[in-house]
Amino acid sequence: MKRGEKYADWTPEERKQHNAHQRKHRMAQTSEQRARQKHANRKHWHSRQPEQKRLRSRKTTLRKYQLTPAEYQRRVEAQENLCAICRQPERKICRFTGEVQLLSVDHNHKTTEIRGLLCDRCNRTLGMVDDQTWVLAAAIAYLDRYREQVPL
């Protein structure tokens, strides 16, 4: 086991020795220490690999909805890179890359059918009302009731 050598290149005996050492080290830590270390490792990886984080996240999302990157791009172009609800471009900045986030895939939670692409704000709004249209209708009625009259 030379420093920098890949685990895949190790002999079975070297792997066994390494795994035993790792197990012993993990058993000495509390679950809180392990969780803290896992979080630190993940945060460190993301800070060094922001583009990889963004791509991995996007691939996971697309796989979840059985969308290919080309199909996602086709939907983005069909919506002119605007949110399907507010017709505004995405404004949220990714905390890892510092770039504007991609539009979110909105779907029916019961059928998993894709409805469209939404900005983060509209996607969260639908999530908060649990896709219940009566809540949105009640919110509109509430706002209309207290709308200030614009002076002529």
C-alpha atoms as a PDB file:
ATOM      1  CA  MET A   1       0.000   0.000   0.000  1.00  0.00           C
ATOM      2  CA  LYS A   2       1.873   2.989  -1.264  1.00  0.00           C
ATOM      3  CA  ARG A   3       0.543   6.465  -0.679  1.00  0.00           C
ATOM      4  CA  GLY A   4      -1.522   7.588  -3.663  1.00  0.00           C
ATOM      5  CA  GLU A   5      -2.033   4.032  -4.892  1.00  0.00           C
ATOM      6  CA  LYS A   6      -5.629   3.214  -5.754  1.00  0.00           C
ATOM      7  CA  TYR A   7      -7.599   0.817  -3.560  1.00  0.00           C
ATOM      8  CA  ALA A   8      -8.472  -1.215  -6.670  1.00  0.00           C
ATOM      9  CA  ASP A   9      -4.752  -1.918  -7.212  1.00  0.00           C
ATOM     10  CA  TRP A  10      -4.208  -3.334  -3.723  1.00  0.00           C
ATOM     11  CA  THR A  11      -3.807  -7.036  -3.053  1.00  0.00           C
ATOM     12  CA  PRO A  12      -6.582  -8.844  -1.131  1.00  0.00           C
ATOM     13  CA  GLU A  13      -4.318  -8.973   1.947  1.00  0.00           C
ATOM     14  CA  GLU A  14      -3.674  -5.204   1.797  1.00  0.00           C
ATOM     15  CA  ARG A  15      -7.410  -4.553   1.468  1.00  0.00           C
ATOM     16  CA  LYS A  16      -8.171  -6.820   4.416  1.00  0.00           C
ATOM     17  CA  GLN A  17      -5.571  -5.024   6.546  1.00  0.00           C
ATOM     18  CA  HIS A  18      -6.864  -1.591   5.508  1.00  0.00           C
ATOM     19  CA  ASN A  19     -10.515  -2.522   6.179  1.00  0.00           C
ATOM     20  CA  ALA A  20      -9.635  -3.908   9.625  1.00  0.00           C
ATOM     21  CA  HIS A  21      -7.851  -0.664  10.482  1.00  0.00           C
ATOM     22  CA  GLN A  22     -10.821   1.402   9.265  1.00  0.00           C
ATOM     23  CA  ARG A  23     -13.289  -0.726  11.270  1.00  0.00           C
ATOM     24  CA  LYS A  24     -11.189  -0.327  14.422  1.00  0.00           C
ATOM     25  CA  HIS A  25     -11.002   3.439  13.894  1.00  0.00           C
ATOM     26  CA  ARG A  26     -14.781   3.740  13.289  1.00  0.00           C
ATOM     27  CA  MET A  27     -15.631   1.706  16.386  1.00  0.00           C
ATOM     28  CA  ALA A  28     -13.566   4.104  18.511  1.00  0.00           C
ATOM     29  CA  GLN A  29     -15.663   7.068  17.343  1.00  0.00           C
ATOM     30  CA  THR A  30     -19.097   7.991  18.635  1.00  0.00           C
ATOM     31  CA  SER A  31     -21.967   8.204  16.175  1.00  0.00           C
ATOM     32  CA  GLU A  32     -21.915  11.995  16.600  1.00  0.00           C
ATOM     33  CA  GLN A  33     -18.222  12.156  15.681  1.00  0.00           C
ATOM     34  CA  ARG A  34     -18.828   9.946  12.625  1.00  0.00           C
ATOM     35  CA  ALA A  35     -21.729  12.144  11.496  1.00  0.00           C
ATOM     36  CA  ARG A  36     -19.646  15.301  11.952  1.00  0.00           C
ATOM     37  CA  GLN A  37     -16.751  13.792   9.970  1.00  0.00           C
ATOM     38  CA  LYS A  38     -19.078  12.607   7.192  1.00  0.00           C
ATOM     39  CA  HIS A  39     -20.570  16.096   6.903  1.00  0.00           C
ATOM     40  CA  ALA A  40     -17.106  17.694   6.851  1.00  0.00           C
ATOM     41  CA  ASN A  41     -15.907  15.290   4.143  1.00  0.00           C
ATOM     42  CA  ARG A  42     -18.972  15.962   1.993  1.00  0.00           C
ATOM     43  CA  LYS A  43     -18.678  19.725   2.432  1.00  0.00           C
ATOM     44  CA  HIS A  44     -14.969  19.591   1.557  1.00  0.00           C
ATOM     45  CA  TRP A  45     -15.650  17.509  -1.585  1.00  0.00           C
ATOM     46  CA  HIS A  46     -18.388  19.910  -2.716  1.00  0.00           C
ATOM     47  CA  SER A  47     -16.183  22.953  -2.208  1.00  0.00           C
ATOM     48  CA  ARG A  48     -13.437  21.402  -4.368  1.00  0.00           C
ATOM     49  CA  GLN A  49     -15.769  19.978  -7.016  1.00  0.00           C
ATOM     50  CA  PRO A  50     -18.681  22.423  -7.478  1.00  0.00           C
ATOM     51  CA  GLU A  51     -19.292  21.492 -11.107  1.00  0.00           C
ATOM     52  CA  GLN A  52     -19.291  17.775 -10.276  1.00  0.00           C
ATOM     53  CA  LYS A  53     -21.786  18.448  -7.468  1.00  0.00           C
ATOM     54  CA  ARG A  54     -24.083  20.291  -9.847  1.00  0.00           C
ATOM     55  CA  LEU A  55     -23.872  17.562 -12.500  1.00  0.00           C
ATOM     56  CA  ARG A  56     -24.355  14.737  -9.990  1.00  0.00           C
ATOM     57  CA  SER A  57     -27.369  16.491  -8.511  1.00  0.00           C
ATOM     58  CA  ARG A  58     -28.889  17.086 -11.967  1.00  0.00           C
ATOM     59  CA  LYS A  59     -28.243  13.467 -13.060  1.00  0.00           C
ATOM     60  CA  THR A  60     -29.926  12.157  -9.909  1.00  0.00           C
ATOM     61  CA  THR A  61     -32.947  14.392 -10.470  1.00  0.00           C
ATOM     62  CA  LEU A  62     -33.278  13.444 -14.131  1.00  0.00           C
ATOM     63  CA  ARG A  63     -32.960   9.741 -13.313  1.00  0.00           C
ATOM     64  CA  LYS A  64     -35.664  10.117 -10.650  1.00  0.00           C
ATOM     65  CA  TYR A  65     -38.123  11.405 -13.272  1.00  0.00           C
ATOM     66  CA  GLN A  66     -36.806   9.146 -16.064  1.00  0.00           C
ATOM     67  CA  LEU A  67     -35.718  12.140 -18.144  1.00  0.00           C
ATOM     68  CA  THR A  68     -32.690  12.180 -20.386  1.00  0.00           C
ATOM     69  CA  PRO A  69     -30.531  15.326 -20.411  1.00  0.00           C
ATOM     70  CA  ALA A  70     -31.690  15.909 -24.013  1.00  0.00           C
ATOM     71  CA  GLU A  71     -35.374  15.666 -22.995  1.00  0.00           C
ATOM     72  CA  TYR A  72     -34.779  18.081 -20.103  1.00  0.00           C
ATOM     73  CA  GLN A  73     -33.061  20.505 -22.489  1.00  0.00           C
ATOM     74  CA  ARG A  74     -35.943  20.192 -24.963  1.00  0.00           C
ATOM     75  CA  ARG A  75     -38.386  21.131 -22.182  1.00  0.00           C
ATOM     76  CA  VAL A  76     -36.202  24.090 -21.149  1.00  0.00           C
ATOM     77  CA  GLU A  77     -36.150  25.375 -24.734  1.00  0.00           C
ATOM     78  CA  ALA A  78     -39.915  24.832 -25.148  1.00  0.00           C
ATOM     79  CA  GLN A  79     -40.465  27.026 -22.059  1.00  0.00           C
ATOM     80  CA  GLU A  80     -37.852  29.525 -23.290  1.00  0.00           C
ATOM     81  CA  ASN A  81     -35.856  28.880 -20.082  1.00  0.00           C
ATOM     82  CA  LEU A  82     -38.697  30.452 -18.059  1.00  0.00           C
ATOM     83  CA  CYS A  83     -40.768  29.133 -15.164  1.00  0.00           C
ATOM     84  CA  ALA A  84     -44.059  27.554 -16.304  1.00  0.00           C
ATOM     85  CA  ILE A  85     -45.984  29.532 -13.648  1.00  0.00           C
ATOM     86  CA  CYS A  86     -44.476  33.004 -13.245  1.00  0.00           C
ATOM     87  CA  ARG A  87     -42.777  33.096 -16.678  1.00  0.00           C
ATOM     88  CA  GLN A  88     -39.607  34.464 -15.062  1.00  0.00           C
ATOM     89  CA  PRO A  89     -36.102  32.991 -15.365  1.00  0.00           C
ATOM     90  CA  GLU A  90     -34.665  31.137 -12.380  1.00  0.00           C
ATOM     91  CA  ARG A  91     -33.115  33.560  -9.881  1.00  0.00           C
ATOM     92  CA  LYS A  92     -31.831  31.273  -7.148  1.00  0.00           C
ATOM     93  CA  ILE A  93     -28.047  31.015  -6.937  1.00  0.00           C
ATOM     94  CA  CYS A  94     -26.487  27.618  -6.265  1.00  0.00           C
ATOM     95  CA  ARG A  95     -24.534  27.783  -3.015  1.00  0.00           C
ATOM     96  CA  PHE A  96     -21.857  25.420  -4.348  1.00  0.00           C
ATOM     97  CA  THR A  97     -21.129  26.863  -7.781  1.00  0.00           C
ATOM     98  CA  GLY A  98     -22.345  30.446  -7.383  1.00  0.00           C
ATOM     99  CA  GLU A  99     -24.261  30.030 -10.658  1.00  0.00           C
ATOM    100  CA  VAL A 100     -27.987  30.371 -11.275  1.00  0.00           C
ATOM    101  CA  GLN A 101     -29.747  27.084 -10.546  1.00  0.00           C
ATOM    102  CA  LEU A 102     -31.436  25.061 -13.260  1.00  0.00           C
ATOM    103  CA  LEU A 103     -35.237  24.995 -13.382  1.00  0.00           C
ATOM    104  CA  SER A 104     -36.835  22.373 -11.129  1.00  0.00           C
ATOM    105  CA  VAL A 105     -38.815  19.457 -12.536  1.00  0.00           C
ATOM    106  CA  ASP A 106     -42.411  19.756 -11.283  1.00  0.00           C
ATOM    107  CA  HIS A 107     -44.415  16.550 -11.121  1.00  0.00           C
ATOM    108  CA  ASN A 108     -47.668  15.095  -9.842  1.00  0.00           C
ATOM    109  CA  HIS A 109     -46.786  13.372  -6.557  1.00  0.00           C
ATOM    110  CA  LYS A 110     -49.392  10.641  -7.052  1.00  0.00           C
ATOM    111  CA  THR A 111     -48.734   9.722 -10.691  1.00  0.00           C
ATOM    112  CA  THR A 112     -45.129  11.077 -10.986  1.00  0.00           C
ATOM    113  CA  GLU A 113     -46.196  12.615 -14.313  1.00  0.00           C
ATOM    114  CA  ILE A 114     -44.025  15.631 -15.196  1.00  0.00           C
ATOM    115  CA  ARG A 115     -46.064  18.832 -15.407  1.00  0.00           C
ATOM    116  CA  GLY A 116     -43.363  21.316 -16.332  1.00  0.00           C
ATOM    117  CA  LEU A 117     -40.239  23.138 -15.185  1.00  0.00           C
ATOM    118  CA  LEU A 118     -40.509  25.688 -12.385  1.00  0.00           C
ATOM    119  CA  CYS A 119     -38.288  28.237 -10.703  1.00  0.00           C
ATOM    120  CA  ASP A 120     -37.337  27.448  -7.103  1.00  0.00           C
ATOM    121  CA  ARG A 121     -39.809  29.981  -5.713  1.00  0.00           C
ATOM    122  CA  CYS A 122     -42.861  28.605  -7.557  1.00  0.00           C
ATOM    123  CA  ASN A 123     -41.792  25.003  -6.932  1.00  0.00           C
ATOM    124  CA  ARG A 124     -41.551  25.650  -3.173  1.00  0.00           C
ATOM    125  CA  THR A 125     -44.900  27.455  -3.188  1.00  0.00           C
ATOM    126  CA  LEU A 126     -46.631  24.446  -4.740  1.00  0.00           C
ATOM    127  CA  GLY A 127     -44.865  22.177  -2.272  1.00  0.00           C
ATOM    128  CA  MET A 128     -45.976  24.270   0.706  1.00  0.00           C
ATOM    129  CA  VAL A 129     -49.634  24.133  -0.310  1.00  0.00           C
ATOM    130  CA  ASP A 130     -49.294  20.403  -1.028  1.00  0.00           C
ATOM    131  CA  ASP A 131     -50.680  20.836  -4.569  1.00  0.00           C
ATOM    132  CA  GLN A 132     -54.097  21.766  -3.147  1.00  0.00           C
ATOM    133  CA  THR A 133     -55.702  24.263  -5.514  1.00  0.00           C
ATOM    134  CA  TRP A 134     -58.285  25.385  -2.939  1.00  0.00           C
ATOM    135  CA  VAL A 135     -55.455  26.745  -0.745  1.00  0.00           C
ATOM    136  CA  LEU A 136     -54.155  28.828  -3.647  1.00  0.00           C
ATOM    137  CA  ALA A 137     -57.682  30.024  -4.491  1.00  0.00           C
ATOM    138  CA  ALA A 138     -58.222  31.021  -0.844  1.00  0.00           C
ATOM    139  CA  ALA A 139     -54.867  32.875  -0.839  1.00  0.00           C
ATOM    140  CA  ILE A 140     -55.852  34.786  -4.001  1.00  0.00           C
ATOM    141  CA  ALA A 141     -59.227  35.712  -2.488  1.00  0.00           C
ATOM    142  CA  TYR A 142     -57.479  36.853   0.699  1.00  0.00           C
ATOM    143  CA  LEU A 143     -55.032  39.052  -1.206  1.00  0.00           C
ATOM    144  CA  ASP A 144     -57.816  40.498  -3.377  1.00  0.00           C
ATOM    145  CA  ARG A 145     -59.828  41.363  -0.268  1.00  0.00           C
ATOM    146  CA  TYR A 146     -56.952  43.417   1.179  1.00  0.00           C
ATOM    147  CA  ARG A 147     -55.508  44.782  -2.048  1.00  0.00           C
ATOM    148  CA  GLU A 148     -54.731  48.457  -1.787  1.00  0.00           C
ATOM    149  CA  GLN A 149     -56.475  50.578  -4.349  1.00  0.00           C
ATOM    150  CA  VAL A 150     -54.043  52.209  -6.754  1.00  0.00           C
ATOM    151  CA  PRO A 151     -54.756  55.964  -6.895  1.00  0.00           C
ATOM    152  CA  LEU A 152     -55.713  57.233 -10.327  1.00  0.00           C
END
